Amino acid sequence: MSAFIKTLPKLNRGYASAATTVKAPLTLHGLGGRYATALYTAAHKSKTLDAVEGDLKKFHAAYLKNDSLKVVLEDPTLNKQEKKKSLYALLDSNKVSPTTRNLFELLLENRRLAETPKIISAFLSLMSAHRGELQITVTSAQTLDDATMKQLKETLSKGSVSAGSKSVTISNQVKPTILGGLIIEFGDKTIDLSISSKVAKLRKVLTDTI
């Protein structure tokens, strides 16, 4: 963690620090979350939040369509200079903001380009929270029908989960391995109501008593 923190000034290069500390609207964990939070702080101080968000959305769209870009980000056998040439060509052609460019320079330098999709996803979550939007992901063993999704949205919108949010967006993610029940994720919180979770807890209880 300390090594990561030492690299953060690179994201603040080119402009003065704000007089007050910027507090991210969400607490994110993991490497992708830490980079996204550092980027959010830097973009907030330089007043480039919207520009950086636009840059990252375009970059992610290119990543999904362009196999050669996936190779640049993910192939560990590609040397640093080859990655740099391809990456900088893309950044130059899209005229990204200095803050966005600093992020990718840092990822290249630290050999963390493979984390880019996670960082983008985390940053977009921060931006949604920044605008007062609450994104709720409901994971189920099977696809939920429209009526169930509507009922869930109405229930969650009225509860403490959405307190202080200007709008609520709900999406369904299917994961058969949870067996049944639901896993509700919003911000940095998770409510695990899945059958697999209950089975795991029961198995632990039984194991501990043996």
C-alpha atoms as a PDB file:
ATOM      1  CA  MET A   1       0.000   0.000   0.000  1.00  0.00           C
ATOM      2  CA  SER A   2       2.781   2.441   0.893  1.00  0.00           C
ATOM      3  CA  ALA A   3       4.422   1.902  -2.503  1.00  0.00           C
ATOM      4  CA  PHE A   4       1.106   2.728  -4.192  1.00  0.00           C
ATOM      5  CA  ILE A   5       0.638   5.902  -2.185  1.00  0.00           C
ATOM      6  CA  LYS A   6       4.064   7.167  -3.264  1.00  0.00           C
ATOM      7  CA  THR A   7       2.933   7.066  -6.899  1.00  0.00           C
ATOM      8  CA  LEU A   8      -0.162   9.213  -6.372  1.00  0.00           C
ATOM      9  CA  PRO A   9       1.553  12.603  -6.874  1.00  0.00           C
ATOM     10  CA  LYS A  10       1.839  11.722 -10.572  1.00  0.00           C
ATOM     11  CA  LEU A  11      -1.934  11.981 -10.816  1.00  0.00           C
ATOM     12  CA  ASN A  12      -1.759  15.454  -9.316  1.00  0.00           C
ATOM     13  CA  ARG A  13       0.931  16.679 -11.704  1.00  0.00           C
ATOM     14  CA  GLY A  14       0.326  19.935 -13.526  1.00  0.00           C
ATOM     15  CA  TYR A  15      -1.933  21.795 -11.132  1.00  0.00           C
ATOM     16  CA  ALA A  16      -1.977  22.994  -7.525  1.00  0.00           C
ATOM     17  CA  SER A  17      -3.569  20.949  -4.766  1.00  0.00           C
ATOM     18  CA  ALA A  18      -6.961  22.100  -3.539  1.00  0.00           C
ATOM     19  CA  ALA A  19      -7.107  23.923  -0.224  1.00  0.00           C
ATOM     20  CA  THR A  20      -9.388  21.304   1.264  1.00  0.00           C
ATOM     21  CA  THR A  21      -9.155  17.537   1.176  1.00  0.00           C
ATOM     22  CA  VAL A  22     -11.390  15.888  -1.412  1.00  0.00           C
ATOM     23  CA  LYS A  23     -13.516  13.093   0.028  1.00  0.00           C
ATOM     24  CA  ALA A  24     -14.630  10.415  -2.417  1.00  0.00           C
ATOM     25  CA  PRO A  25     -18.389   9.712  -2.312  1.00  0.00           C
ATOM     26  CA  LEU A  26     -17.753   5.975  -1.938  1.00  0.00           C
ATOM     27  CA  THR A  27     -15.180   3.880  -0.138  1.00  0.00           C
ATOM     28  CA  LEU A  28     -13.787   1.443  -2.701  1.00  0.00           C
ATOM     29  CA  HIS A  29     -11.478  -1.450  -2.013  1.00  0.00           C
ATOM     30  CA  GLY A  30      -8.956  -3.395  -4.061  1.00  0.00           C
ATOM     31  CA  LEU A  31      -6.293  -2.112  -6.409  1.00  0.00           C
ATOM     32  CA  GLY A  32      -8.799  -0.873  -8.974  1.00  0.00           C
ATOM     33  CA  GLY A  33     -10.715   0.980  -6.296  1.00  0.00           C
ATOM     34  CA  ARG A  34      -7.613   2.703  -4.964  1.00  0.00           C
ATOM     35  CA  TYR A  35      -6.513   3.891  -8.408  1.00  0.00           C
ATOM     36  CA  ALA A  36     -10.065   5.069  -9.179  1.00  0.00           C
ATOM     37  CA  THR A  37     -10.246   6.985  -5.902  1.00  0.00           C
ATOM     38  CA  ALA A  38      -6.874   8.638  -6.565  1.00  0.00           C
ATOM     39  CA  LEU A  39      -8.077   9.568 -10.061  1.00  0.00           C
ATOM     40  CA  TYR A  40     -11.343  10.968  -8.698  1.00  0.00           C
ATOM     41  CA  THR A  41      -9.419  13.111  -6.196  1.00  0.00           C
ATOM     42  CA  ALA A  42      -7.062  14.407  -8.890  1.00  0.00           C
ATOM     43  CA  ALA A  43      -9.882  15.126 -11.350  1.00  0.00           C
ATOM     44  CA  HIS A  44     -11.948  16.845  -8.662  1.00  0.00           C
ATOM     45  CA  LYS A  45      -9.060  19.144  -7.758  1.00  0.00           C
ATOM     46  CA  SER A  46      -8.373  20.005 -11.391  1.00  0.00           C
ATOM     47  CA  LYS A  47     -12.107  20.406 -12.153  1.00  0.00           C
ATOM     48  CA  THR A  48     -11.906  17.775 -14.891  1.00  0.00           C
ATOM     49  CA  LEU A  49     -14.322  15.141 -13.524  1.00  0.00           C
ATOM     50  CA  ASP A  50     -16.660  15.265 -16.521  1.00  0.00           C
ATOM     51  CA  ALA A  51     -13.769  15.293 -19.012  1.00  0.00           C
ATOM     52  CA  VAL A  52     -12.115  12.280 -17.371  1.00  0.00           C
ATOM     53  CA  GLU A  53     -15.428  10.412 -17.244  1.00  0.00           C
ATOM     54  CA  GLY A  54     -15.922  11.039 -20.963  1.00  0.00           C
ATOM     55  CA  ASP A  55     -12.360   9.909 -21.729  1.00  0.00           C
ATOM     56  CA  LEU A  56     -12.774   6.674 -19.794  1.00  0.00           C
ATOM     57  CA  LYS A  57     -16.132   5.858 -21.378  1.00  0.00           C
ATOM     58  CA  LYS A  58     -14.619   6.248 -24.855  1.00  0.00           C
ATOM     59  CA  PHE A  59     -11.589   4.196 -23.854  1.00  0.00           C
ATOM     60  CA  HIS A  60     -13.763   1.403 -22.474  1.00  0.00           C
ATOM     61  CA  ALA A  61     -15.883   1.338 -25.646  1.00  0.00           C
ATOM     62  CA  ALA A  62     -12.675   1.012 -27.686  1.00  0.00           C
ATOM     63  CA  TYR A  63     -11.452  -1.742 -25.360  1.00  0.00           C
ATOM     64  CA  LEU A  64     -14.624  -3.780 -25.903  1.00  0.00           C
ATOM     65  CA  LYS A  65     -14.392  -3.520 -29.707  1.00  0.00           C
ATOM     66  CA  ASN A  66     -10.648  -3.591 -30.300  1.00  0.00           C
ATOM     67  CA  ASP A  67      -8.818  -6.876 -29.735  1.00  0.00           C
ATOM     68  CA  SER A  68      -5.429  -5.244 -30.323  1.00  0.00           C
ATOM     69  CA  LEU A  69      -6.125  -2.819 -27.449  1.00  0.00           C
ATOM     70  CA  LYS A  70      -6.920  -5.769 -25.201  1.00  0.00           C
ATOM     71  CA  VAL A  71      -3.518  -7.207 -26.110  1.00  0.00           C
ATOM     72  CA  VAL A  72      -1.808  -3.905 -25.214  1.00  0.00           C
ATOM     73  CA  LEU A  73      -3.461  -3.889 -21.809  1.00  0.00           C
ATOM     74  CA  GLU A  74      -3.398  -7.560 -20.940  1.00  0.00           C
ATOM     75  CA  ASP A  75      -0.498  -9.307 -22.708  1.00  0.00           C
ATOM     76  CA  PRO A  76       2.440  -9.562 -20.252  1.00  0.00           C
ATOM     77  CA  THR A  77       4.806 -10.658 -23.052  1.00  0.00           C
ATOM     78  CA  LEU A  78       4.439  -7.332 -24.878  1.00  0.00           C
ATOM     79  CA  ASN A  79       7.340  -5.098 -23.884  1.00  0.00           C
ATOM     80  CA  LYS A  80       6.853  -1.707 -22.285  1.00  0.00           C
ATOM     81  CA  GLN A  81       7.911   0.318 -25.326  1.00  0.00           C
ATOM     82  CA  GLU A  82       5.453  -1.483 -27.606  1.00  0.00           C
ATOM     83  CA  LYS A  83       2.665  -0.910 -25.101  1.00  0.00           C
ATOM     84  CA  LYS A  84       3.646   2.751 -24.760  1.00  0.00           C
ATOM     85  CA  LYS A  85       3.653   3.358 -28.528  1.00  0.00           C
ATOM     86  CA  SER A  86       0.190   1.855 -29.052  1.00  0.00           C
ATOM     87  CA  LEU A  87      -1.314   3.374 -25.925  1.00  0.00           C
ATOM     88  CA  TYR A  88      -0.019   6.892 -26.556  1.00  0.00           C
ATOM     89  CA  ALA A  89      -1.235   6.789 -30.155  1.00  0.00           C
ATOM     90  CA  LEU A  90      -4.749   6.071 -28.882  1.00  0.00           C
ATOM     91  CA  LEU A  91      -4.574   8.782 -26.207  1.00  0.00           C
ATOM     92  CA  ASP A  92      -3.253  11.341 -28.718  1.00  0.00           C
ATOM     93  CA  SER A  93      -5.913  10.543 -31.319  1.00  0.00           C
ATOM     94  CA  ASN A  94      -8.684  11.008 -28.724  1.00  0.00           C
ATOM     95  CA  LYS A  95      -7.136  14.176 -27.230  1.00  0.00           C
ATOM     96  CA  VAL A  96      -7.716  13.046 -23.644  1.00  0.00           C
ATOM     97  CA  SER A  97      -7.377  15.391 -20.693  1.00  0.00           C
ATOM     98  CA  PRO A  98      -3.994  15.670 -18.911  1.00  0.00           C
ATOM     99  CA  THR A  99      -5.499  13.968 -15.848  1.00  0.00           C
ATOM    100  CA  THR A 100      -6.554  10.945 -17.894  1.00  0.00           C
ATOM    101  CA  ARG A 101      -3.165  10.805 -19.583  1.00  0.00           C
ATOM    102  CA  ASN A 102      -1.418  10.918 -16.204  1.00  0.00           C
ATOM    103  CA  LEU A 103      -3.451   7.894 -15.104  1.00  0.00           C
ATOM    104  CA  PHE A 104      -2.378   5.789 -18.078  1.00  0.00           C
ATOM    105  CA  GLU A 105       1.240   6.901 -17.749  1.00  0.00           C
ATOM    106  CA  LEU A 106       1.122   5.756 -14.139  1.00  0.00           C
ATOM    107  CA  LEU A 107      -0.487   2.414 -15.027  1.00  0.00           C
ATOM    108  CA  LEU A 108       2.121   1.835 -17.747  1.00  0.00           C
ATOM    109  CA  GLU A 109       4.955   2.731 -15.396  1.00  0.00           C
ATOM    110  CA  ASN A 110       3.644   0.421 -12.662  1.00  0.00           C
ATOM    111  CA  ARG A 111       2.755  -2.383 -15.082  1.00  0.00           C
ATOM    112  CA  ARG A 112      -0.901  -2.176 -14.069  1.00  0.00           C
ATOM    113  CA  LEU A 113      -2.568  -1.618 -17.449  1.00  0.00           C
ATOM    114  CA  ALA A 114      -4.479  -4.889 -17.041  1.00  0.00           C
ATOM    115  CA  GLU A 115      -6.368  -3.225 -14.170  1.00  0.00           C
ATOM    116  CA  THR A 116      -7.830  -0.602 -16.535  1.00  0.00           C
ATOM    117  CA  PRO A 117     -11.354  -2.125 -16.912  1.00  0.00           C
ATOM    118  CA  LYS A 118     -11.722  -2.418 -13.122  1.00  0.00           C
ATOM    119  CA  ILE A 119     -10.466   1.133 -12.605  1.00  0.00           C
ATOM    120  CA  ILE A 120     -12.897   2.507 -15.184  1.00  0.00           C
ATOM    121  CA  SER A 121     -15.818   0.636 -13.624  1.00  0.00           C
ATOM    122  CA  ALA A 122     -14.871   1.881 -10.159  1.00  0.00           C
ATOM    123  CA  PHE A 123     -14.455   5.480 -11.368  1.00  0.00           C
ATOM    124  CA  LEU A 124     -17.879   5.444 -13.044  1.00  0.00           C
ATOM    125  CA  SER A 125     -19.380   4.219  -9.763  1.00  0.00           C
ATOM    126  CA  LEU A 126     -17.741   7.151  -8.005  1.00  0.00           C
ATOM    127  CA  MET A 127     -19.169   9.553 -10.575  1.00  0.00           C
ATOM    128  CA  SER A 128     -22.676   8.120 -10.146  1.00  0.00           C
ATOM    129  CA  ALA A 129     -22.402   8.595  -6.395  1.00  0.00           C
ATOM    130  CA  HIS A 130     -21.013  12.098  -6.980  1.00  0.00           C
ATOM    131  CA  ARG A 131     -24.196  12.970  -8.876  1.00  0.00           C
ATOM    132  CA  GLY A 132     -26.415  11.459  -6.192  1.00  0.00           C
ATOM    133  CA  GLU A 133     -27.272   8.411  -8.307  1.00  0.00           C
ATOM    134  CA  LEU A 134     -27.502   5.037  -6.588  1.00  0.00           C
ATOM    135  CA  GLN A 135     -26.695   2.007  -8.702  1.00  0.00           C
ATOM    136  CA  ILE A 136     -28.010  -1.239  -7.246  1.00  0.00           C
ATOM    137  CA  THR A 137     -26.971  -4.611  -8.637  1.00  0.00           C
ATOM    138  CA  VAL A 138     -29.192  -7.555  -7.784  1.00  0.00           C
ATOM    139  CA  THR A 139     -27.585 -10.944  -8.381  1.00  0.00           C
ATOM    140  CA  SER A 140     -29.895 -13.937  -8.779  1.00  0.00           C
ATOM    141  CA  ALA A 141     -29.594 -17.567  -9.849  1.00  0.00           C
ATOM    142  CA  GLN A 142     -31.993 -16.917 -12.737  1.00  0.00           C
ATOM    143  CA  THR A 143     -33.009 -13.810 -14.670  1.00  0.00           C
ATOM    144  CA  LEU A 144     -35.602 -11.811 -12.750  1.00  0.00           C
ATOM    145  CA  ASP A 145     -38.743 -10.812 -14.638  1.00  0.00           C
ATOM    146  CA  ASP A 146     -39.749  -7.176 -15.166  1.00  0.00           C
ATOM    147  CA  ALA A 147     -42.428  -7.271 -12.461  1.00  0.00           C
ATOM    148  CA  THR A 148     -39.970  -8.508  -9.847  1.00  0.00           C
ATOM    149  CA  MET A 149     -37.371  -5.918 -10.859  1.00  0.00           C
ATOM    150  CA  LYS A 150     -39.998  -3.166 -10.636  1.00  0.00           C
ATOM    151  CA  GLN A 151     -41.076  -4.320  -7.188  1.00  0.00           C
ATOM    152  CA  LEU A 152     -37.465  -4.500  -5.989  1.00  0.00           C
ATOM    153  CA  LYS A 153     -36.743  -0.993  -7.275  1.00  0.00           C
ATOM    154  CA  GLU A 154     -39.832   0.425  -5.555  1.00  0.00           C
ATOM    155  CA  THR A 155     -38.956  -1.304  -2.274  1.00  0.00           C
ATOM    156  CA  LEU A 156     -35.291  -0.318  -2.313  1.00  0.00           C
ATOM    157  CA  SER A 157     -36.098   3.254  -3.380  1.00  0.00           C
ATOM    158  CA  LYS A 158     -38.293   3.735  -0.306  1.00  0.00           C
ATOM    159  CA  GLY A 159     -35.902   2.150   2.180  1.00  0.00           C
ATOM    160  CA  SER A 160     -32.811   3.379   3.992  1.00  0.00           C
ATOM    161  CA  VAL A 161     -30.667   1.932   1.198  1.00  0.00           C
ATOM    162  CA  SER A 162     -31.456   4.895  -1.057  1.00  0.00           C
ATOM    163  CA  ALA A 163     -31.523   7.611   1.613  1.00  0.00           C
ATOM    164  CA  GLY A 164     -29.999  10.809   0.218  1.00  0.00           C
ATOM    165  CA  SER A 165     -29.946   9.565  -3.384  1.00  0.00           C
ATOM    166  CA  LYS A 166     -31.501  11.632  -6.172  1.00  0.00           C
ATOM    167  CA  SER A 167     -32.190   8.622  -8.387  1.00  0.00           C
ATOM    168  CA  VAL A 168     -31.992   4.835  -8.213  1.00  0.00           C
ATOM    169  CA  THR A 169     -30.938   2.498 -11.027  1.00  0.00           C
ATOM    170  CA  ILE A 170     -31.267  -1.253 -10.611  1.00  0.00           C
ATOM    171  CA  SER A 171     -29.721  -3.993 -12.752  1.00  0.00           C
ATOM    172  CA  ASN A 172     -29.897  -7.783 -12.652  1.00  0.00           C
ATOM    173  CA  GLN A 173     -26.830 -10.005 -12.793  1.00  0.00           C
ATOM    174  CA  VAL A 174     -27.308 -13.747 -13.204  1.00  0.00           C
ATOM    175  CA  LYS A 175     -25.040 -16.140 -11.296  1.00  0.00           C
ATOM    176  CA  PRO A 176     -26.356 -19.725 -11.073  1.00  0.00           C
ATOM    177  CA  THR A 177     -23.788 -20.681  -8.428  1.00  0.00           C
ATOM    178  CA  ILE A 178     -25.655 -18.733  -5.722  1.00  0.00           C
ATOM    179  CA  LEU A 179     -28.336 -21.479  -6.062  1.00  0.00           C
ATOM    180  CA  GLY A 180     -31.211 -19.162  -5.107  1.00  0.00           C
ATOM    181  CA  GLY A 181     -32.099 -16.037  -3.183  1.00  0.00           C
ATOM    182  CA  LEU A 182     -30.528 -12.660  -3.926  1.00  0.00           C
ATOM    183  CA  ILE A 183     -27.316 -10.691  -3.443  1.00  0.00           C
ATOM    184  CA  ILE A 184     -27.922  -6.927  -3.356  1.00  0.00           C
ATOM    185  CA  GLU A 185     -24.938  -4.634  -3.905  1.00  0.00           C
ATOM    186  CA  PHE A 186     -24.918  -0.847  -3.736  1.00  0.00           C
ATOM    187  CA  GLY A 187     -21.994   1.488  -3.210  1.00  0.00           C
ATOM    188  CA  ASP A 188     -19.528  -0.300  -0.974  1.00  0.00           C
ATOM    189  CA  LYS A 189     -22.198  -2.443   0.733  1.00  0.00           C
ATOM    190  CA  THR A 190     -23.460  -5.970   0.102  1.00  0.00           C
ATOM    191  CA  ILE A 191     -26.584  -7.692   1.422  1.00  0.00           C
ATOM    192  CA  ASP A 192     -26.143 -11.422   0.870  1.00  0.00           C
ATOM    193  CA  LEU A 193     -29.488 -13.246   0.960  1.00  0.00           C
ATOM    194  CA  SER A 194     -28.357 -16.098  -1.284  1.00  0.00           C
ATOM    195  CA  ILE A 195     -28.907 -19.779  -0.570  1.00  0.00           C
ATOM    196  CA  SER A 196     -25.209 -20.474  -1.218  1.00  0.00           C
ATOM    197  CA  SER A 197     -24.322 -18.051   1.582  1.00  0.00           C
ATOM    198  CA  LYS A 198     -26.713 -19.772   3.996  1.00  0.00           C
ATOM    199  CA  VAL A 199     -25.325 -23.185   3.009  1.00  0.00           C
ATOM    200  CA  ALA A 200     -21.760 -21.937   3.591  1.00  0.00           C
ATOM    201  CA  LYS A 201     -22.707 -20.608   7.043  1.00  0.00           C
ATOM    202  CA  LEU A 202     -24.431 -23.893   7.922  1.00  0.00           C
ATOM    203  CA  ARG A 203     -21.424 -25.876   6.721  1.00  0.00           C
ATOM    204  CA  LYS A 204     -19.137 -23.743   8.900  1.00  0.00           C
ATOM    205  CA  VAL A 205     -21.336 -24.275  11.947  1.00  0.00           C
ATOM    206  CA  LEU A 206     -21.363 -28.029  11.378  1.00  0.00           C
ATOM    207  CA  THR A 207     -17.596 -28.110  10.783  1.00  0.00           C
ATOM    208  CA  ASP A 208     -16.861 -26.072  13.918  1.00  0.00           C
ATOM    209  CA  THR A 209     -18.930 -28.423  16.090  1.00  0.00           C
ATOM    210  CA  ILE A 210     -17.118 -31.548  14.936  1.00  0.00           C
END
